[in-house]
Structures are given as C-alpha cells and as structure tokens.
C-alpha cells in the first residue's frame, strides 16, 4: 500500500513537470531554465508553491504575487499523471515494462494537451519518447539476452508510422486538403512502437468514435463544421488500450467472432 502511494505521488510530481513542458514547449522556451514562475507576472515560485496539488489548493488556484488564475488544467494533469503511474505499477510492478509504459503515457499527456490548445504535436516530444523507449528496450534486451523485443517494437513503430502516412496522403488526395496533420503520423509511429501493431486498429477505432462524437457536438453547438485536433483522441485511445486493451479484445472476439 505504501509503495502504491509512493508511486502515485511520484506520478503527481512528474505531472507537475509535464505542466511545465506543456506551458513552455509550444512557445519555444526551455523546460529547465528559468525556474518555475507565474506565466502572467513572472514571479518565481517558492518551495511551498511548488508542492503539487497541495500548493494549488492552498493558493486557491491563484498566483501568490499577482493573484491571477492558475489554469485548472494544472491540478488535473498532476492528478491524472499520478493515477496513470499508479495504474502502471498495479499492472507491471517495478519493471522495465512499467518504465516503458510510463514514458509513453507522459509523452501522450503532453502531446494531447498541447495539440488540444495549439493544434500542434511537438516533434521533440515524440522523438524524446522514442529515444527513451529505444534505450529501455535495449536495456531489457541486454538484461534478458533477448533482442527480438527491440526489433519487434521498431518494426511495429514503422508499421504504425507508414499506416498513418498512407491515410494522410489518401485523405489529402480525396478531400483536396489536409484532414490529418503530419504530427499525427509521427504520433502513430510512437504509439505503434510502444503498444504494438495488434492494438493499432483498436486505438484508431476508439479515437474515431470519440473524435466523431466531439465533431458532432461541435457542429451542433457552432452550427458549422470546424477543424479540431486528432492527437488528443489518439492519445486517449492509446491510454485506454494500455490499461484495458486485452479485456476489450477478448470481449470483442467472444461477441463478434
């Protein structure tokens, strides 16, 4: 129980760092320097203001210096990351597989929020996730003397990338415009590398359903069709598959095959 609490709290702390990435990467700022500060007035945060969740609640969601609102997103990212890390520990314990999944989830959280806010999927985040995954797969191969996992992940990442690249060009040719961003192609390469090709169709199905529902709601509310990012829905689909992919596939095969 104490280990689970520790892992969840670690996830909350990492979620605080993910907030820094979300705030700074899209505007081209370093995620290391300067120190954490209020995005409105530039006030450098003190130690007590950096405690995840607790500081937000203690400050009532406002900057201590200028009293401007701190985005509610900040506390939600911390909580979601903590829960995700707890879920990963529950499934995989203290293993390299758990580290792999945690790296992917951290990247997906950043990419989903940035894409939602800016319709942008930063290549640096995707390549960082791939780099981390390659290192972890390499360590696993060295420790177990089994290299097939690394090569299989590389092949599945390439398949995911090329599958979405095909969809990208076909949709562009049919619709005479970009229905997908090329960032989505890179994102599917990242997801394919970590999750595996057998789950890509399920991820696309979940993302398509969620994205379609959102598109209908958007059409009803605004009275016209508008572009919206696909990255958040792909990320949610990948997250669902990470935690519940196997039981979903078993349920599907039992009921439809």
Protein backbone atom coordinates (compact mmCIF):
# COMPACT_ATOMS: atom_id res chain seq x y z
CA UNK A 1 0.00 0.00 0.00
CA UNK A 2 2.79 2.40 0.91
CA UNK A 3 4.55 1.55 -2.35
CA UNK A 4 1.41 2.36 -4.33
CA UNK A 5 1.04 5.69 -2.51
CA UNK A 6 4.68 6.47 -3.25
CA UNK A 7 4.28 5.65 -6.94
CA UNK A 8 1.12 7.76 -7.22
CA UNK A 9 2.85 10.69 -5.52
CA UNK A 10 5.82 10.28 -7.87
CA UNK A 11 3.37 10.48 -10.75
CA UNK A 12 1.84 13.65 -9.30
CA UNK A 13 5.31 15.23 -9.08
CA UNK A 14 6.09 14.22 -12.66
CA UNK A 15 2.70 15.64 -13.65
CA UNK A 16 3.87 18.99 -12.27
CA UNK A 17 6.88 18.77 -14.60
CA UNK A 18 4.60 17.85 -17.50
CA UNK A 19 2.72 21.10 -16.86
CA UNK A 20 5.99 22.97 -17.30
CA UNK A 21 6.55 21.16 -20.62
CA UNK A 22 3.00 21.96 -21.76
CA UNK A 23 3.42 25.65 -20.93
CA UNK A 24 6.89 26.13 -22.39
CA UNK A 25 7.47 23.78 -25.33
CA UNK A 26 4.84 25.30 -27.67
CA UNK A 27 6.31 28.80 -27.20
CA UNK A 28 9.90 27.67 -27.63
CA UNK A 29 11.04 28.14 -24.02
CA UNK A 30 13.50 25.93 -22.17
CA UNK A 31 11.89 23.41 -19.82
CA UNK A 32 14.83 23.77 -17.41
CA UNK A 33 15.62 27.47 -17.23
CA UNK A 34 14.39 29.81 -15.87
CA UNK A 35 12.93 28.35 -12.67
CA UNK A 36 9.20 27.73 -12.43
CA UNK A 37 7.35 31.03 -12.42
CA UNK A 38 3.94 32.60 -12.91
CA UNK A 39 3.22 32.82 -16.63
CA UNK A 40 1.41 36.14 -16.09
CA UNK A 41 3.72 38.24 -13.88
CA UNK A 42 6.95 36.23 -13.93
CA UNK A 43 7.01 35.72 -10.15
CA UNK A 44 9.47 32.92 -9.31
CA UNK A 45 7.69 30.22 -7.34
CA UNK A 46 8.92 29.42 -3.84
CA UNK A 47 9.37 25.94 -2.41
CA UNK A 48 5.88 25.83 -0.87
CA UNK A 49 4.33 26.99 -4.14
CA UNK A 50 5.90 24.05 -5.97
CA UNK A 51 4.22 21.28 -3.97
CA UNK A 52 1.92 19.54 -6.49
CA UNK A 53 -1.85 19.68 -5.86
CA UNK A 54 -1.36 20.98 -2.30
CA UNK A 55 0.02 24.34 -3.42
CA UNK A 56 -2.82 24.81 -5.91
CA UNK A 57 -5.43 24.16 -3.26
CA UNK A 58 -3.60 26.27 -0.68
CA UNK A 59 -3.36 29.22 -3.07
CA UNK A 60 -6.97 28.66 -4.19
CA UNK A 61 -5.85 28.49 -7.79
CA UNK A 62 -4.28 31.96 -7.84
CA UNK A 63 -0.76 33.34 -8.11
CA UNK A 64 0.52 34.45 -4.69
CA UNK A 65 2.06 37.59 -6.22
CA UNK A 66 -0.38 38.93 -8.84
CA UNK A 67 -3.47 36.85 -7.88
CA UNK A 68 -4.09 35.83 -11.48
CA UNK A 69 -5.83 32.49 -12.00
CA UNK A 70 -3.66 29.39 -12.33
CA UNK A 71 -5.19 27.16 -15.03
CA UNK A 72 -7.33 24.41 -13.54
CA UNK A 73 -5.62 22.16 -16.06
CA UNK A 74 -2.51 22.22 -13.85
CA UNK A 75 -4.04 20.26 -10.98
CA UNK A 76 -5.86 17.87 -13.33
CA UNK A 77 -2.64 16.98 -15.15
CA UNK A 78 -0.97 16.22 -11.81
CA UNK A 79 -3.86 14.04 -10.64
CA UNK A 80 -4.22 12.18 -13.94
CA UNK A 81 -0.48 11.50 -14.14
CA UNK A 82 -0.50 10.20 -10.57
CA UNK A 83 -3.39 7.85 -11.30
CA UNK A 84 -1.75 6.65 -14.52
CA UNK A 85 1.50 5.85 -12.72
CA UNK A 86 -0.44 4.04 -10.00
CA UNK A 87 -2.24 2.00 -12.67
CA UNK A 88 1.03 1.13 -14.38
CA UNK A 89 2.54 -0.03 -11.08
CA UNK A 90 -0.56 -2.13 -10.40
CA UNK A 91 -0.23 -3.85 -13.78
CA UNK A 92 3.54 -4.21 -14.12
CA UNK A 93 5.15 -3.58 -10.72
CA UNK A 94 8.73 -2.26 -10.63
CA UNK A 95 9.83 -3.45 -14.08
CA UNK A 96 11.36 -2.05 -17.24
CA UNK A 97 7.98 -2.61 -18.90
CA UNK A 98 6.47 -0.24 -16.33
CA UNK A 99 9.10 2.38 -17.19
CA UNK A 100 8.34 1.99 -20.90
CA UNK A 101 4.62 2.47 -20.39
CA UNK A 102 5.23 5.42 -18.06
CA UNK A 103 7.42 7.14 -20.66
CA UNK A 104 4.72 6.68 -23.29
CA UNK A 105 1.94 7.95 -21.01
CA UNK A 106 3.96 11.03 -20.01
CA UNK A 107 4.55 11.86 -23.68
CA UNK A 108 0.90 11.26 -24.58
CA UNK A 109 -0.29 13.60 -21.82
CA UNK A 110 1.96 16.40 -23.07
CA UNK A 111 1.03 15.81 -26.71
CA UNK A 112 -2.71 15.57 -26.05
CA UNK A 113 -2.89 18.85 -24.11
CA UNK A 114 -0.57 20.78 -26.43
CA UNK A 115 -2.46 19.56 -29.51
CA UNK A 116 -5.77 20.49 -27.88
CA UNK A 117 -4.59 24.01 -27.08
CA UNK A 118 -2.39 24.78 -30.10
CA UNK A 119 -3.25 22.10 -32.70
CA UNK A 120 0.42 21.20 -32.57
CA UNK A 121 2.23 17.93 -31.86
CA UNK A 122 5.82 18.87 -30.95
CA UNK A 123 8.27 16.64 -32.78
CA UNK A 124 10.77 16.98 -29.92
CA UNK A 125 8.37 15.27 -27.50
CA UNK A 126 7.71 12.41 -29.92
CA UNK A 127 11.42 11.86 -30.60
CA UNK A 128 12.22 12.07 -26.88
CA UNK A 129 9.64 9.35 -26.22
CA UNK A 130 11.08 7.19 -28.99
CA UNK A 131 14.60 7.73 -27.70
CA UNK A 132 13.59 6.77 -24.17
CA UNK A 133 11.78 3.70 -25.48
CA UNK A 134 14.78 2.55 -27.53
CA UNK A 135 17.08 2.90 -24.50
CA UNK A 136 14.70 0.93 -22.27
CA UNK A 137 14.15 -1.80 -24.87
CA UNK A 138 17.93 -2.02 -25.29
CA UNK A 139 18.44 -2.39 -21.53
CA UNK A 140 15.76 -5.07 -21.41
CA UNK A 141 17.44 -6.92 -24.28
CA UNK A 142 20.83 -6.78 -22.55
CA UNK A 143 19.39 -7.99 -19.23
CA UNK A 144 17.40 -10.86 -20.76
CA UNK A 145 19.65 -11.56 -23.75
CA UNK A 146 16.55 -11.48 -25.94
CA UNK A 147 16.71 -8.93 -28.74
CA UNK A 148 13.50 -9.80 -30.54
CA UNK A 149 11.50 -7.31 -28.44
CA UNK A 150 13.59 -4.36 -29.64
CA UNK A 151 13.34 -5.37 -33.30
CA UNK A 152 9.64 -6.11 -33.00
CA UNK A 153 8.99 -2.69 -31.43
CA UNK A 154 10.98 -0.98 -34.20
CA UNK A 155 9.02 -2.83 -36.90
CA UNK A 156 5.67 -2.06 -35.25
CA UNK A 157 6.62 1.60 -34.92
CA UNK A 158 7.48 1.71 -38.62
CA UNK A 159 4.19 -0.01 -39.49
CA UNK A 160 2.20 2.46 -37.38
CA UNK A 161 4.01 5.38 -38.98
CA UNK A 162 3.55 4.13 -42.54
CA UNK A 163 -0.09 3.17 -41.98
CA UNK A 164 -0.97 6.68 -40.89
CA UNK A 165 1.24 8.21 -43.57
CA UNK A 166 -0.83 6.26 -46.11
CA UNK A 167 -4.06 7.58 -44.53
CA UNK A 168 -2.57 11.09 -44.54
CA UNK A 169 -1.90 11.12 -48.27
CA UNK A 170 -5.12 9.30 -49.22
CA UNK A 171 -7.28 11.73 -47.22
CA UNK A 172 -5.36 14.66 -48.66
CA UNK A 173 -5.93 13.35 -52.19
CA UNK A 174 -9.63 12.59 -51.66
CA UNK A 175 -10.58 15.72 -49.72
CA UNK A 176 -8.15 18.06 -51.53
CA UNK A 177 -6.94 19.29 -48.13
CA UNK A 178 -5.19 18.02 -45.03
CA UNK A 179 -7.66 16.03 -42.96
CA UNK A 180 -4.77 14.79 -40.81
CA UNK A 181 -1.68 16.59 -39.65
CA UNK A 182 1.72 15.04 -40.24
CA UNK A 183 2.24 15.23 -36.50
CA UNK A 184 -0.49 12.60 -36.21
CA UNK A 185 1.61 10.34 -38.46
CA UNK A 186 4.62 10.68 -36.13
CA UNK A 187 2.36 10.15 -33.12
CA UNK A 188 1.10 6.84 -34.50
CA UNK A 189 4.71 5.79 -35.06
CA UNK A 190 5.37 6.47 -31.37
CA UNK A 191 2.24 4.61 -30.28
CA UNK A 192 2.96 1.66 -32.57
CA UNK A 193 6.49 1.39 -31.17
CA UNK A 194 5.27 1.06 -27.59
CA UNK A 195 1.83 -0.53 -27.85
CA UNK A 196 2.20 -2.94 -30.75
CA UNK A 197 0.59 -3.34 -34.14
CA UNK A 198 -2.13 -5.70 -32.86
CA UNK A 199 -3.77 -2.85 -30.96
CA UNK A 200 -3.44 -0.08 -33.56
CA UNK A 201 -6.82 -0.86 -35.15
CA UNK A 202 -8.49 -0.71 -31.71
CA UNK A 203 -6.80 2.62 -30.94
CA UNK A 204 -7.97 4.03 -34.26
CA UNK A 205 -11.50 2.77 -33.60
CA UNK A 206 -11.65 4.38 -30.15
CA UNK A 207 -10.12 7.62 -31.43
CA UNK A 208 -12.55 7.66 -34.37
CA UNK A 209 -15.58 7.18 -32.13
CA UNK A 210 -14.50 9.81 -29.59
CA UNK A 211 -13.41 12.25 -32.29
CA UNK A 212 -16.64 11.70 -34.21
CA UNK A 213 -18.76 12.37 -31.12
CA UNK A 214 -16.80 15.56 -30.43
CA UNK A 215 -17.17 16.65 -34.06
CA UNK A 216 -20.95 16.19 -33.91
CA UNK A 217 -21.15 18.17 -30.65
CA UNK A 218 -19.02 20.91 -32.20
CA UNK A 219 -21.27 21.01 -35.27
CA UNK A 220 -24.43 21.26 -33.15
CA UNK A 221 -23.03 23.95 -30.87
CA UNK A 222 -21.49 26.16 -33.54
CA UNK A 223 -23.68 25.38 -36.50
CA UNK A 224 -20.79 24.63 -38.84
CA UNK A 225 -18.03 22.11 -39.36
CA UNK A 226 -14.69 23.13 -37.89
CA UNK A 227 -11.24 21.58 -37.73
CA UNK A 228 -10.19 20.06 -34.44
CA UNK A 229 -7.10 18.11 -33.33
CA UNK A 230 -6.98 14.34 -33.60
CA UNK A 231 -3.96 13.90 -31.31
CA UNK A 232 -5.92 14.04 -28.03
CA UNK A 233 -8.28 11.29 -29.20
CA UNK A 234 -5.41 9.09 -30.41
CA UNK A 235 -3.71 9.61 -27.04
CA UNK A 236 -6.88 8.73 -25.13
CA UNK A 237 -7.35 5.66 -27.32
CA UNK A 238 -3.78 4.56 -26.62
CA UNK A 239 -4.27 5.13 -22.89
CA UNK A 240 -7.45 3.04 -22.86
CA UNK A 241 -5.69 0.24 -24.73
CA UNK A 242 -2.72 0.31 -22.35
CA UNK A 243 -4.95 -0.33 -19.35
CA UNK A 244 -7.90 -2.24 -20.82
CA UNK A 245 -6.83 -3.34 -24.31
CA UNK A 246 -6.68 -7.07 -23.59
CA UNK A 247 -10.12 -7.40 -21.91
CA UNK A 248 -11.66 -5.25 -24.66
CA UNK A 249 -10.18 -7.51 -27.35
CA UNK A 250 -11.34 -10.65 -25.52
CA UNK A 251 -14.86 -9.22 -25.18
CA UNK A 252 -14.92 -8.28 -28.87
CA UNK A 253 -13.72 -11.67 -30.07
CA UNK A 254 -16.21 -13.53 -27.86
CA UNK A 255 -19.17 -11.49 -29.04
CA UNK A 256 -18.43 -10.86 -32.69
CA UNK A 257 -16.41 -13.87 -33.82
